[in-house]
Amino acid sequence: MPELDAKALGAALAARRVRAKLSQEEVAERLGIGQEAVSRLERGVVVPSLQRLFEFAHAYGCGVDEFILPTSTLPTDQAVWLSKRLGALRPGDRELVVDMVDKICDRLKR
């Protein structure tokens, strides 16, 4: 069974906060918690509850999967995450990324 990587989950929370253009203080205020609590969660010192993940997702205007998929070690989850990332790119850029991933995979299989 895959293990939860608290630091990776925290990094995903922090990255999404930055994308939402919010400070830790603003997030803390929205969630009714202290700024230090937000910091501990983002550093992976504390693992958020499922309820807290939903609160973060609501504050950032995204789904909980935005935090879970990038931190999963399951290839199917990683494929979903990669698909979402690719979907945000222009067709030519998507082609470039897919080509790069293909070459990297070929090289690492050796």
Protein backbone atom coordinates (compact mmCIF):
# COMPACT_ATOMS: atom_id res chain seq x y z
CA MET A 1 0.00 0.00 0.00
CA PRO A 2 1.42 3.41 -0.92
CA GLU A 3 2.44 5.67 1.94
CA LEU A 4 1.43 9.28 2.31
CA ASP A 5 4.35 11.63 1.79
CA ALA A 6 3.55 14.50 4.16
CA LYS A 7 6.25 16.75 2.71
CA ALA A 8 4.99 16.24 -0.86
CA LEU A 9 1.42 16.89 0.25
CA GLY A 10 2.56 20.05 2.02
CA ALA A 11 4.43 21.17 -1.09
CA ALA A 12 1.28 20.60 -3.17
CA LEU A 13 -0.73 22.72 -0.70
CA ALA A 14 1.86 25.49 -0.87
CA ALA A 15 2.06 25.41 -4.67
CA ARG A 16 -1.71 25.63 -5.00
CA ARG A 17 -1.80 28.53 -2.52
CA VAL A 18 0.77 30.39 -4.59
CA ARG A 19 -1.24 29.71 -7.76
CA ALA A 20 -4.32 31.09 -5.98
CA LYS A 21 -2.25 34.22 -5.17
CA LEU A 22 -2.95 33.94 -1.46
CA SER A 23 -0.62 34.47 1.49
CA GLN A 24 -0.44 32.03 4.38
CA GLU A 25 -2.10 34.70 6.50
CA GLU A 26 -5.04 35.00 4.08
CA VAL A 27 -5.48 31.22 4.02
CA ALA A 28 -5.33 31.03 7.80
CA GLU A 29 -8.03 33.67 8.06
CA ARG A 30 -10.28 31.89 5.54
CA LEU A 31 -9.89 28.57 7.36
CA GLY A 32 -10.11 30.01 10.85
CA ILE A 33 -6.71 28.68 11.89
CA GLY A 34 -3.38 30.28 12.73
CA GLN A 35 -0.76 31.17 10.15
CA GLU A 36 1.68 28.85 11.91
CA ALA A 37 -0.76 25.95 11.37
CA VAL A 38 -0.80 26.70 7.64
CA SER A 39 3.00 26.80 7.67
CA ARG A 40 3.25 23.44 9.47
CA LEU A 41 0.85 21.86 6.98
CA GLU A 42 2.77 23.25 4.00
CA ARG A 43 6.09 22.04 5.42
CA GLY A 44 4.69 18.55 5.95
CA VAL A 45 5.19 18.69 9.71
CA VAL A 46 1.47 17.97 10.19
CA VAL A 47 -0.78 15.93 7.88
CA PRO A 48 -4.15 17.59 7.27
CA SER A 49 -7.37 15.72 7.90
CA LEU A 50 -9.61 14.94 4.97
CA GLN A 51 -11.99 17.67 6.15
CA ARG A 52 -9.12 20.17 6.21
CA LEU A 53 -8.10 19.16 2.66
CA PHE A 54 -11.63 19.96 1.50
CA GLU A 55 -11.40 23.33 3.25
CA PHE A 56 -8.13 24.09 1.48
CA ALA A 57 -9.63 23.02 -1.84
CA HIS A 58 -12.61 25.33 -1.30
CA ALA A 59 -10.31 28.23 -0.35
CA TYR A 60 -8.20 27.67 -3.48
CA GLY A 61 -11.10 27.00 -5.84
CA CYS A 62 -9.91 23.53 -6.79
CA GLY A 63 -10.60 19.87 -6.08
CA VAL A 64 -8.94 17.78 -3.38
CA ASP A 65 -7.34 15.77 -6.17
CA GLU A 66 -5.09 18.77 -6.84
CA PHE A 67 -3.28 17.91 -3.60
CA ILE A 68 -3.49 14.12 -3.72
CA LEU A 69 -2.60 13.24 -7.31
CA PRO A 70 0.81 14.97 -7.42
CA THR A 71 1.82 13.20 -4.21
CA SER A 72 0.66 9.70 -5.12
CA THR A 73 3.11 6.94 -6.00
CA LEU A 74 0.49 5.03 -8.00
CA PRO A 75 1.14 5.17 -11.77
CA THR A 76 -2.58 5.60 -12.49
CA ASP A 77 -2.77 8.65 -10.21
CA GLN A 78 0.39 10.05 -11.73
CA ALA A 79 -1.07 9.56 -15.22
CA VAL A 80 -4.22 11.47 -14.24
CA TRP A 81 -2.11 14.28 -12.77
CA LEU A 82 0.07 14.41 -15.88
CA SER A 83 -3.00 14.44 -18.12
CA LYS A 84 -4.41 17.43 -16.24
CA ARG A 85 -1.12 19.27 -16.54
CA LEU A 86 -0.88 18.50 -20.26
CA GLY A 87 -4.47 19.63 -20.81
CA ALA A 88 -3.50 23.14 -19.75
CA LEU A 89 -0.89 23.43 -22.52
CA ARG A 90 -1.19 24.45 -26.15
CA PRO A 91 -1.07 21.50 -28.60
CA GLY A 92 2.50 22.19 -29.73
CA ASP A 93 3.74 22.47 -26.15
CA ARG A 94 1.91 19.27 -25.23
CA GLU A 95 3.63 17.48 -28.08
CA LEU A 96 7.01 18.75 -26.89
CA VAL A 97 6.39 17.53 -23.30
CA VAL A 98 5.11 14.12 -24.44
CA ASP A 99 8.15 13.71 -26.67
CA MET A 100 10.48 14.63 -23.80
CA VAL A 101 8.77 12.22 -21.39
CA ASP A 102 8.95 9.46 -23.98
CA LYS A 103 12.70 9.99 -24.47
CA ILE A 104 13.35 10.13 -20.74
CA CYS A 105 11.39 6.91 -20.18
CA ASP A 106 13.30 5.15 -22.98
CA ARG A 107 16.62 6.23 -21.49
CA LEU A 108 15.71 5.19 -17.94
CA LYS A 109 14.52 1.73 -19.10
CA ARG A 110 18.08 0.88 -20.16
